[in-house]
PDB file of all heavy atoms in Angstrom:
ATOM      1  N   HIS A   1      14.254   6.688   0.055  1.00  0.00           N
ATOM      2  CA  HIS A   1      12.895   6.169  -0.274  1.00  0.00           C
ATOM      3  C   HIS A   1      12.560   4.848   0.434  1.00  0.00           C
ATOM      4  O   HIS A   1      11.465   4.630   0.789  1.00  0.00           O
ATOM      5  CB  HIS A   1      12.766   6.004  -1.783  1.00  0.00           C
ATOM      6  CG  HIS A   1      12.918   7.288  -2.600  1.00  0.00           C
ATOM      7  ND1 HIS A   1      13.895   7.371  -3.492  1.00  0.00           N
ATOM      8  CD2 HIS A   1      12.297   8.459  -2.462  1.00  0.00           C
ATOM      9  CE1 HIS A   1      13.777   8.656  -4.044  1.00  0.00           C
ATOM     10  NE2 HIS A   1      12.852   9.294  -3.400  1.00  0.00           N
ATOM     11  N   HIS A   2      13.507   3.963   0.523  1.00  0.00           N
ATOM     12  CA  HIS A   2      13.238   2.611   1.026  1.00  0.00           C
ATOM     13  C   HIS A   2      13.163   2.665   2.550  1.00  0.00           C
ATOM     14  O   HIS A   2      13.960   3.241   3.216  1.00  0.00           O
ATOM     15  CB  HIS A   2      14.249   1.678   0.562  1.00  0.00           C
ATOM     16  CG  HIS A   2      14.049   0.249   1.112  1.00  0.00           C
ATOM     17  ND1 HIS A   2      12.877  -0.488   0.723  1.00  0.00           N
ATOM     18  CD2 HIS A   2      14.622  -0.453   2.023  1.00  0.00           C
ATOM     19  CE1 HIS A   2      12.902  -1.602   1.416  1.00  0.00           C
ATOM     20  NE2 HIS A   2      13.970  -1.667   2.154  1.00  0.00           N
ATOM     21  N   ASN A   3      12.089   1.958   3.138  1.00  0.00           N
ATOM     22  CA  ASN A   3      11.971   1.772   4.573  1.00  0.00           C
ATOM     23  C   ASN A   3      11.749   3.076   5.274  1.00  0.00           C
ATOM     24  O   ASN A   3      12.157   3.173   6.456  1.00  0.00           O
ATOM     25  CB  ASN A   3      13.098   1.025   5.193  1.00  0.00           C
ATOM     26  CG  ASN A   3      12.827  -0.396   5.274  1.00  0.00           C
ATOM     27  OD1 ASN A   3      11.724  -0.871   5.323  1.00  0.00           O
ATOM     28  ND2 ASN A   3      13.881  -1.227   5.311  1.00  0.00           N
ATOM     29  N   VAL A   4      11.109   4.067   4.697  1.00  0.00           N
ATOM     30  CA  VAL A   4      10.844   5.324   5.349  1.00  0.00           C
ATOM     31  C   VAL A   4       9.746   5.167   6.370  1.00  0.00           C
ATOM     32  O   VAL A   4       9.762   5.711   7.468  1.00  0.00           O
ATOM     33  CB  VAL A   4      10.630   6.428   4.317  1.00  0.00           C
ATOM     34  CG1 VAL A   4      10.267   7.716   5.096  1.00  0.00           C
ATOM     35  CG2 VAL A   4      11.778   6.623   3.417  1.00  0.00           C
ATOM     36  N   LEU A   5       8.572   4.566   5.922  1.00  0.00           N
ATOM     37  CA  LEU A   5       7.461   4.298   6.908  1.00  0.00           C
ATOM     38  C   LEU A   5       7.459   2.810   7.260  1.00  0.00           C
ATOM     39  O   LEU A   5       7.095   2.003   6.439  1.00  0.00           O
ATOM     40  CB  LEU A   5       6.186   4.686   6.183  1.00  0.00           C
ATOM     41  CG  LEU A   5       6.069   6.140   5.715  1.00  0.00           C
ATOM     42  CD1 LEU A   5       4.799   6.325   4.905  1.00  0.00           C
ATOM     43  CD2 LEU A   5       6.085   7.020   6.954  1.00  0.00           C
ATOM     44  N   ARG A   6       7.892   2.531   8.495  1.00  0.00           N
ATOM     45  CA  ARG A   6       8.022   1.176   8.875  1.00  0.00           C
ATOM     46  C   ARG A   6       6.793   0.545   9.578  1.00  0.00           C
ATOM     47  O   ARG A   6       6.658  -0.724   9.577  1.00  0.00           O
ATOM     48  CB  ARG A   6       9.280   1.024   9.769  1.00  0.00           C
ATOM     49  CG  ARG A   6      10.518   1.297   9.038  1.00  0.00           C
ATOM     50  CD  ARG A   6      11.706   0.934   9.858  1.00  0.00           C
ATOM     51  NE  ARG A   6      12.878   1.204   9.068  1.00  0.00           N
ATOM     52  CZ  ARG A   6      14.078   1.461   9.572  1.00  0.00           C
ATOM     53  NH1 ARG A   6      14.222   1.516  10.872  1.00  0.00           N
ATOM     54  NH2 ARG A   6      15.138   1.664   8.745  1.00  0.00           N
ATOM     55  N   LEU A   7       5.941   1.338  10.176  1.00  0.00           N
ATOM     56  CA  LEU A   7       4.820   0.783  10.910  1.00  0.00           C
ATOM     57  C   LEU A   7       3.933  -0.110  10.134  1.00  0.00           C
ATOM     58  O   LEU A   7       3.583  -1.242  10.598  1.00  0.00           O
ATOM     59  CB  LEU A   7       4.043   1.901  11.488  1.00  0.00           C
ATOM     60  CG  LEU A   7       2.809   1.441  12.357  1.00  0.00           C
ATOM     61  CD1 LEU A   7       3.221   0.636  13.546  1.00  0.00           C
ATOM     62  CD2 LEU A   7       1.961   2.597  12.820  1.00  0.00           C
ATOM     63  N   PRO A   8       3.561   0.216   8.815  1.00  0.00           N
ATOM     64  CA  PRO A   8       2.704  -0.718   8.117  1.00  0.00           C
ATOM     65  C   PRO A   8       3.405  -2.130   7.879  1.00  0.00           C
ATOM     66  O   PRO A   8       2.683  -3.151   8.072  1.00  0.00           O
ATOM     67  CB  PRO A   8       2.436  -0.044   6.746  1.00  0.00           C
ATOM     68  CG  PRO A   8       2.566   1.394   7.081  1.00  0.00           C
ATOM     69  CD  PRO A   8       3.619   1.451   8.153  1.00  0.00           C
ATOM     70  N   GLN A   9       4.627  -2.145   7.556  1.00  0.00           N
ATOM     71  CA  GLN A   9       5.306  -3.360   7.346  1.00  0.00           C
ATOM     72  C   GLN A   9       5.470  -4.144   8.714  1.00  0.00           C
ATOM     73  O   GLN A   9       5.457  -5.378   8.682  1.00  0.00           O
ATOM     74  CB  GLN A   9       6.604  -3.278   6.608  1.00  0.00           C
ATOM     75  CG  GLN A   9       7.688  -2.557   7.266  1.00  0.00           C
ATOM     76  CD  GLN A   9       9.032  -2.560   6.516  1.00  0.00           C
ATOM     77  OE1 GLN A   9       9.760  -3.509   6.566  1.00  0.00           O
ATOM     78  NE2 GLN A   9       9.259  -1.489   5.783  1.00  0.00           N
ATOM     79  N   GLU A  10       5.695  -3.435   9.758  1.00  0.00           N
ATOM     80  CA  GLU A  10       5.835  -4.101  11.070  1.00  0.00           C
ATOM     81  C   GLU A  10       4.527  -4.787  11.487  1.00  0.00           C
ATOM     82  O   GLU A  10       4.494  -5.872  12.000  1.00  0.00           O
ATOM     83  CB  GLU A  10       6.299  -3.089  12.134  1.00  0.00           C
ATOM     84  CG  GLU A  10       7.726  -2.741  11.970  1.00  0.00           C
ATOM     85  CD  GLU A  10       8.143  -1.534  12.852  1.00  0.00           C
ATOM     86  OE1 GLU A  10       7.329  -1.094  13.678  1.00  0.00           O
ATOM     87  OE2 GLU A  10       9.311  -1.064  12.757  1.00  0.00           O
ATOM     88  N   LEU A  11       3.365  -4.068  11.269  1.00  0.00           N
ATOM     89  CA  LEU A  11       2.092  -4.575  11.589  1.00  0.00           C
ATOM     90  C   LEU A  11       1.802  -5.835  10.736  1.00  0.00           C
ATOM     91  O   LEU A  11       1.288  -6.821  11.187  1.00  0.00           O
ATOM     92  CB  LEU A  11       1.016  -3.583  11.355  1.00  0.00           C
ATOM     93  CG  LEU A  11       1.023  -2.416  12.377  1.00  0.00           C
ATOM     94  CD1 LEU A  11      -0.018  -1.354  11.945  1.00  0.00           C
ATOM     95  CD2 LEU A  11       0.675  -2.875  13.758  1.00  0.00           C
ATOM     96  N   THR A  12       2.145  -5.823   9.442  1.00  0.00           N
ATOM     97  CA  THR A  12       1.975  -6.937   8.563  1.00  0.00           C
ATOM     98  C   THR A  12       2.807  -8.111   8.959  1.00  0.00           C
ATOM     99  O   THR A  12       2.384  -9.218   8.967  1.00  0.00           O
ATOM    100  CB  THR A  12       2.177  -6.523   7.031  1.00  0.00           C
ATOM    101  OG1 THR A  12       1.250  -5.479   6.793  1.00  0.00           O
ATOM    102  CG2 THR A  12       2.019  -7.683   6.143  1.00  0.00           C
ATOM    103  N   ALA A  13       4.070  -7.858   9.309  1.00  0.00           N
ATOM    104  CA  ALA A  13       4.978  -8.924   9.766  1.00  0.00           C
ATOM    105  C   ALA A  13       4.507  -9.583  11.090  1.00  0.00           C
ATOM    106  O   ALA A  13       4.517 -10.739  11.185  1.00  0.00           O
ATOM    107  CB  ALA A  13       6.344  -8.376   9.913  1.00  0.00           C
ATOM    108  N   ALA A  14       3.968  -8.735  11.967  1.00  0.00           N
ATOM    109  CA  ALA A  14       3.482  -9.263  13.267  1.00  0.00           C
ATOM    110  C   ALA A  14       2.154  -9.992  13.135  1.00  0.00           C
ATOM    111  O   ALA A  14       1.906 -10.893  13.941  1.00  0.00           O
ATOM    112  CB  ALA A  14       3.368  -8.086  14.261  1.00  0.00           C
ATOM    113  N   ASN A  15       1.367  -9.631  12.174  1.00  0.00           N
ATOM    114  CA  ASN A  15       0.013 -10.313  11.985  1.00  0.00           C
ATOM    115  C   ASN A  15      -0.219 -10.556  10.528  1.00  0.00           C
ATOM    116  O   ASN A  15      -1.080 -10.015   9.887  1.00  0.00           O
ATOM    117  CB  ASN A  15      -1.090  -9.260  12.451  1.00  0.00           C
ATOM    118  CG  ASN A  15      -0.916  -8.843  13.897  1.00  0.00           C
ATOM    119  OD1 ASN A  15      -1.104  -9.640  14.746  1.00  0.00           O
ATOM    120  ND2 ASN A  15      -0.566  -7.590  14.137  1.00  0.00           N
ATOM    121  N   PRO A  16       0.486 -11.521   9.959  1.00  0.00           N
ATOM    122  CA  PRO A  16       0.381 -11.845   8.534  1.00  0.00           C
ATOM    123  C   PRO A  16      -0.947 -12.342   8.129  1.00  0.00           C
ATOM    124  O   PRO A  16      -1.316 -12.310   6.943  1.00  0.00           O
ATOM    125  CB  PRO A  16       1.454 -12.893   8.306  1.00  0.00           C
ATOM    126  CG  PRO A  16       1.783 -13.513   9.617  1.00  0.00           C
ATOM    127  CD  PRO A  16       1.450 -12.415  10.652  1.00  0.00           C
ATOM    128  N   THR A  17      -1.724 -12.924   9.052  1.00  0.00           N
ATOM    129  CA  THR A  17      -3.147 -13.400   8.619  1.00  0.00           C
ATOM    130  C   THR A  17      -4.141 -12.282   8.747  1.00  0.00           C
ATOM    131  O   THR A  17      -5.332 -12.467   8.386  1.00  0.00           O
ATOM    132  CB  THR A  17      -3.550 -14.534   9.549  1.00  0.00           C
ATOM    133  OG1 THR A  17      -3.595 -14.118  10.921  1.00  0.00           O
ATOM    134  CG2 THR A  17      -2.624 -15.718   9.371  1.00  0.00           C
ATOM    135  N   HIS A  18      -3.757 -11.131   9.274  1.00  0.00           N
ATOM    136  CA  HIS A  18      -4.691 -10.013   9.405  1.00  0.00           C
ATOM    137  C   HIS A  18      -4.294  -8.752   8.611  1.00  0.00           C
ATOM    138  O   HIS A  18      -5.058  -7.753   8.704  1.00  0.00           O
ATOM    139  CB  HIS A  18      -4.851  -9.646  10.920  1.00  0.00           C
ATOM    140  CG  HIS A  18      -5.520 -10.747  11.647  1.00  0.00           C
ATOM    141  ND1 HIS A  18      -4.769 -11.788  12.254  1.00  0.00           N
ATOM    142  CD2 HIS A  18      -6.762 -10.930  12.002  1.00  0.00           C
ATOM    143  CE1 HIS A  18      -5.611 -12.516  12.926  1.00  0.00           C
ATOM    144  NE2 HIS A  18      -6.825 -12.066  12.731  1.00  0.00           N
ATOM    145  N   SER A  19      -3.224  -8.825   7.998  1.00  0.00           N
ATOM    146  CA  SER A  19      -2.692  -7.602   7.306  1.00  0.00           C
ATOM    147  C   SER A  19      -1.908  -7.955   6.058  1.00  0.00           C
ATOM    148  O   SER A  19      -1.213  -8.964   6.076  1.00  0.00           O
ATOM    149  CB  SER A  19      -1.830  -6.763   8.275  1.00  0.00           C
ATOM    150  OG  SER A  19      -1.249  -5.667   7.639  1.00  0.00           O
ATOM    151  N   PHE A  20      -2.004  -7.114   5.051  1.00  0.00           N
ATOM    152  CA  PHE A  20      -1.064  -7.270   3.907  1.00  0.00           C
ATOM    153  C   PHE A  20      -0.871  -5.921   3.158  1.00  0.00           C
ATOM    154  O   PHE A  20      -1.761  -5.061   3.319  1.00  0.00           O
ATOM    155  CB  PHE A  20      -1.596  -8.374   2.938  1.00  0.00           C
ATOM    156  CG  PHE A  20      -2.919  -8.010   2.211  1.00  0.00           C
ATOM    157  CD1 PHE A  20      -2.912  -7.378   0.985  1.00  0.00           C
ATOM    158  CD2 PHE A  20      -4.092  -8.317   2.845  1.00  0.00           C
ATOM    159  CE1 PHE A  20      -4.110  -6.995   0.360  1.00  0.00           C
ATOM    160  CE2 PHE A  20      -5.257  -8.030   2.231  1.00  0.00           C
ATOM    161  CZ  PHE A  20      -5.277  -7.379   1.008  1.00  0.00           C
ATOM    162  N   LEU A  21       0.269  -5.804   2.581  1.00  0.00           N
ATOM    163  CA  LEU A  21       0.526  -4.606   1.732  1.00  0.00           C
ATOM    164  C   LEU A  21       0.506  -5.032   0.281  1.00  0.00           C
ATOM    165  O   LEU A  21       1.030  -6.106  -0.067  1.00  0.00           O
ATOM    166  CB  LEU A  21       1.919  -4.090   2.075  1.00  0.00           C
ATOM    167  CG  LEU A  21       2.204  -3.618   3.478  1.00  0.00           C
ATOM    168  CD1 LEU A  21       3.679  -3.275   3.713  1.00  0.00           C
ATOM    169  CD2 LEU A  21       1.331  -2.403   3.788  1.00  0.00           C
ATOM    170  N   PHE A  22      -0.007  -4.178  -0.541  1.00  0.00           N
ATOM    171  CA  PHE A  22       0.146  -4.483  -1.980  1.00  0.00           C
ATOM    172  C   PHE A  22       0.332  -3.157  -2.725  1.00  0.00           C
ATOM    173  O   PHE A  22      -0.103  -2.166  -2.337  1.00  0.00           O
ATOM    174  CB  PHE A  22      -1.024  -5.298  -2.515  1.00  0.00           C
ATOM    175  CG  PHE A  22      -2.315  -4.549  -2.583  1.00  0.00           C
ATOM    176  CD1 PHE A  22      -2.720  -3.902  -3.785  1.00  0.00           C
ATOM    177  CD2 PHE A  22      -3.189  -4.446  -1.515  1.00  0.00           C
ATOM    178  CE1 PHE A  22      -3.907  -3.227  -3.862  1.00  0.00           C
ATOM    179  CE2 PHE A  22      -4.405  -3.797  -1.615  1.00  0.00           C
ATOM    180  CZ  PHE A  22      -4.756  -3.190  -2.769  1.00  0.00           C
ATOM    181  N   GLU A  23       0.989  -3.337  -3.877  1.00  0.00           N
ATOM    182  CA  GLU A  23       1.329  -2.222  -4.740  1.00  0.00           C
ATOM    183  C   GLU A  23       0.336  -2.136  -5.846  1.00  0.00           C
ATOM    184  O   GLU A  23       0.053  -3.169  -6.478  1.00  0.00           O
ATOM    185  CB  GLU A  23       2.689  -2.297  -5.262  1.00  0.00           C
ATOM    186  CG  GLU A  23       3.195  -1.126  -6.095  1.00  0.00           C
ATOM    187  CD  GLU A  23       4.649  -1.229  -6.518  1.00  0.00           C
ATOM    188  OE1 GLU A  23       5.240  -2.352  -6.315  1.00  0.00           O
ATOM    189  OE2 GLU A  23       5.166  -0.269  -6.909  1.00  0.00           O
ATOM    190  N   MET A  24      -0.222  -0.946  -6.148  1.00  0.00           N
ATOM    191  CA  MET A  24      -1.180  -0.811  -7.227  1.00  0.00           C
ATOM    192  C   MET A  24      -0.459   0.077  -8.325  1.00  0.00           C
ATOM    193  O   MET A  24       0.032   1.067  -7.977  1.00  0.00           O
ATOM    194  CB  MET A  24      -2.387  -0.110  -6.759  1.00  0.00           C
ATOM    195  CG  MET A  24      -3.456  -0.032  -7.769  1.00  0.00           C
ATOM    196  SD  MET A  24      -4.986   0.634  -7.088  1.00  0.00           S
ATOM    197  CE  MET A  24      -5.490   1.754  -8.276  1.00  0.00           C
ATOM    198  N   PHE A  25      -0.528  -0.417  -9.522  1.00  0.00           N
ATOM    199  CA  PHE A  25      -0.005   0.410 -10.677  1.00  0.00           C
ATOM    200  C   PHE A  25      -1.131   1.070 -11.367  1.00  0.00           C
ATOM    201  O   PHE A  25      -2.157   0.464 -11.558  1.00  0.00           O
ATOM    202  CB  PHE A  25       0.721  -0.528 -11.613  1.00  0.00           C
ATOM    203  CG  PHE A  25       2.019  -1.166 -11.038  1.00  0.00           C
ATOM    204  CD1 PHE A  25       1.949  -2.399 -10.512  1.00  0.00           C
ATOM    205  CD2 PHE A  25       3.149  -0.442 -11.037  1.00  0.00           C
ATOM    206  CE1 PHE A  25       3.106  -2.967  -9.947  1.00  0.00           C
ATOM    207  CE2 PHE A  25       4.263  -0.947 -10.479  1.00  0.00           C
ATOM    208  CZ  PHE A  25       4.229  -2.305  -9.948  1.00  0.00           C
ATOM    209  N   SER A  26      -0.986   2.300 -11.767  1.00  0.00           N
ATOM    210  CA  SER A  26      -2.012   3.052 -12.440  1.00  0.00           C
ATOM    211  C   SER A  26      -1.537   3.519 -13.773  1.00  0.00           C
ATOM    212  O   SER A  26      -0.440   3.992 -13.942  1.00  0.00           O
ATOM    213  CB  SER A  26      -2.376   4.326 -11.590  1.00  0.00           C
ATOM    214  OG  SER A  26      -2.815   3.970 -10.377  1.00  0.00           O
ATOM    215  N   ASP A  27      -2.452   3.403 -14.768  1.00  0.00           N
ATOM    216  CA  ASP A  27      -2.143   3.922 -16.022  1.00  0.00           C
ATOM    217  C   ASP A  27      -2.690   5.317 -16.099  1.00  0.00           C
ATOM    218  O   ASP A  27      -3.695   5.634 -15.574  1.00  0.00           O
ATOM    219  CB  ASP A  27      -2.830   3.084 -17.124  1.00  0.00           C
ATOM    220  CG  ASP A  27      -2.180   1.663 -17.320  1.00  0.00           C
ATOM    221  OD1 ASP A  27      -0.997   1.581 -17.018  1.00  0.00           O
ATOM    222  OD2 ASP A  27      -2.944   0.721 -17.621  1.00  0.00           O
ATOM    223  N   PRO A  28      -2.059   6.210 -16.886  1.00  0.00           N
ATOM    224  CA  PRO A  28      -2.576   7.538 -17.040  1.00  0.00           C
ATOM    225  C   PRO A  28      -3.881   7.550 -17.732  1.00  0.00           C
ATOM    226  O   PRO A  28      -4.111   6.678 -18.574  1.00  0.00           O
ATOM    227  CB  PRO A  28      -1.449   8.261 -17.805  1.00  0.00           C
ATOM    228  CG  PRO A  28      -0.377   7.330 -18.116  1.00  0.00           C
ATOM    229  CD  PRO A  28      -0.795   6.015 -17.568  1.00  0.00           C
ATOM    230  N   PRO A  29      -4.793   8.480 -17.578  1.00  0.00           N
ATOM    231  CA  PRO A  29      -4.594   9.633 -16.614  1.00  0.00           C
ATOM    232  C   PRO A  29      -4.870   9.099 -15.197  1.00  0.00           C
ATOM    233  O   PRO A  29      -5.650   8.209 -14.991  1.00  0.00           O
ATOM    234  CB  PRO A  29      -5.665  10.596 -17.085  1.00  0.00           C
ATOM    235  CG  PRO A  29      -6.704   9.642 -17.600  1.00  0.00           C
ATOM    236  CD  PRO A  29      -6.045   8.488 -18.222  1.00  0.00           C
ATOM    237  N   THR A  30      -4.206   9.713 -14.230  1.00  0.00           N
ATOM    238  CA  THR A  30      -4.433   9.332 -12.856  1.00  0.00           C
ATOM    239  C   THR A  30      -4.893  10.487 -12.051  1.00  0.00           C
ATOM    240  O   THR A  30      -4.201  11.500 -11.826  1.00  0.00           O
ATOM    241  CB  THR A  30      -3.164   8.789 -12.216  1.00  0.00           C
ATOM    242  OG1 THR A  30      -2.100   9.761 -12.322  1.00  0.00           O
ATOM    243  CG2 THR A  30      -2.661   7.543 -12.914  1.00  0.00           C
ATOM    244  N   THR A  31      -6.156  10.400 -11.562  1.00  0.00           N
ATOM    245  CA  THR A  31      -6.700  11.354 -10.678  1.00  0.00           C
ATOM    246  C   THR A  31      -7.270  10.563  -9.504  1.00  0.00           C
ATOM    247  O   THR A  31      -7.550   9.365  -9.625  1.00  0.00           O
ATOM    248  CB  THR A  31      -7.840  12.181 -11.255  1.00  0.00           C
ATOM    249  OG1 THR A  31      -8.899  11.289 -11.691  1.00  0.00           O
ATOM    250  CG2 THR A  31      -7.333  12.989 -12.461  1.00  0.00           C
ATOM    251  N   THR A  32      -7.372  11.187  -8.363  1.00  0.00           N
ATOM    252  CA  THR A  32      -7.812  10.468  -7.112  1.00  0.00           C
ATOM    253  C   THR A  32      -9.100   9.799  -7.293  1.00  0.00           C
ATOM    254  O   THR A  32      -9.278   8.627  -6.907  1.00  0.00           O
ATOM    255  CB  THR A  32      -7.700  11.403  -5.946  1.00  0.00           C
ATOM    256  OG1 THR A  32      -6.408  12.001  -5.801  1.00  0.00           O
ATOM    257  CG2 THR A  32      -8.093  10.757  -4.629  1.00  0.00           C
ATOM    258  N   LEU A  33     -10.103  10.506  -7.773  1.00  0.00           N
ATOM    259  CA  LEU A  33     -11.447   9.931  -7.822  1.00  0.00           C
ATOM    260  C   LEU A  33     -11.463   8.651  -8.776  1.00  0.00           C
ATOM    261  O   LEU A  33     -12.076   7.682  -8.470  1.00  0.00           O
ATOM    262  CB  LEU A  33     -12.435  10.992  -8.379  1.00  0.00           C
ATOM    263  CG  LEU A  33     -13.906  10.477  -8.413  1.00  0.00           C
ATOM    264  CD1 LEU A  33     -14.394  10.161  -7.016  1.00  0.00           C
ATOM    265  CD2 LEU A  33     -14.778  11.378  -9.128  1.00  0.00           C
ATOM    266  N   GLN A  34     -10.712   8.787  -9.882  1.00  0.00           N
ATOM    267  CA  GLN A  34     -10.713   7.656 -10.820  1.00  0.00           C
ATOM    268  C   GLN A  34     -10.113   6.410 -10.075  1.00  0.00           C
ATOM    269  O   GLN A  34     -10.593   5.285 -10.193  1.00  0.00           O
ATOM    270  CB  GLN A  34      -9.793   7.962 -11.996  1.00  0.00           C
ATOM    271  CG  GLN A  34     -10.427   8.746 -13.089  1.00  0.00           C
ATOM    272  CD  GLN A  34      -9.373   8.974 -14.158  1.00  0.00           C
ATOM    273  OE1 GLN A  34      -8.233   9.466 -13.905  1.00  0.00           O
ATOM    274  NE2 GLN A  34      -9.745   8.678 -15.349  1.00  0.00           N
ATOM    275  N   ARG A  35      -9.033   6.580  -9.369  1.00  0.00           N
ATOM    276  CA  ARG A  35      -8.367   5.452  -8.676  1.00  0.00           C
ATOM    277  C   ARG A  35      -9.252   4.869  -7.572  1.00  0.00           C
ATOM    278  O   ARG A  35      -9.387   3.650  -7.394  1.00  0.00           O
ATOM    279  CB  ARG A  35      -6.985   5.899  -8.060  1.00  0.00           C
ATOM    280  CG  ARG A  35      -6.081   6.337  -9.059  1.00  0.00           C
ATOM    281  CD  ARG A  35      -5.707   5.139 -10.009  1.00  0.00           C
ATOM    282  NE  ARG A  35      -5.665   5.674 -11.382  1.00  0.00           N
ATOM    283  CZ  ARG A  35      -5.943   4.977 -12.425  1.00  0.00           C
ATOM    284  NH1 ARG A  35      -6.398   3.763 -12.355  1.00  0.00           N
ATOM    285  NH2 ARG A  35      -5.898   5.518 -13.614  1.00  0.00           N
ATOM    286  N   LEU A  36      -9.935   5.761  -6.831  1.00  0.00           N
ATOM    287  CA  LEU A  36     -10.833   5.223  -5.723  1.00  0.00           C
ATOM    288  C   LEU A  36     -11.992   4.452  -6.386  1.00  0.00           C
ATOM    289  O   LEU A  36     -12.461   3.505  -5.836  1.00  0.00           O
ATOM    290  CB  LEU A  36     -11.328   6.408  -4.868  1.00  0.00           C
ATOM    291  CG  LEU A  36     -10.219   7.065  -3.948  1.00  0.00           C
ATOM    292  CD1 LEU A  36     -10.838   8.251  -3.266  1.00  0.00           C
ATOM    293  CD2 LEU A  36      -9.679   6.050  -3.054  1.00  0.00           C
ATOM    294  N   LYS A  37     -12.509   4.936  -7.457  1.00  0.00           N
ATOM    295  CA  LYS A  37     -13.609   4.338  -8.145  1.00  0.00           C
ATOM    296  C   LYS A  37     -13.149   2.932  -8.616  1.00  0.00           C
ATOM    297  O   LYS A  37     -13.814   1.915  -8.490  1.00  0.00           O
ATOM    298  CB  LYS A  37     -14.102   5.168  -9.330  1.00  0.00           C
ATOM    299  CG  LYS A  37     -15.265   4.506 -10.069  1.00  0.00           C
ATOM    300  CD  LYS A  37     -15.785   5.417 -11.156  1.00  0.00           C
ATOM    301  CE  LYS A  37     -16.825   4.731 -11.920  1.00  0.00           C
ATOM    302  NZ  LYS A  37     -17.296   5.572 -13.113  1.00  0.00           N
TER     303      LYS A  37
END
């Protein structure tokens, strides 16, 4: 699971003023439209 997709973190490390990653936690119920809204 860890470090499977490296491109996003490499872009963020190379351009820290132009990119960031963040984790979003969702409470149930979780459907795509609800989260996008």
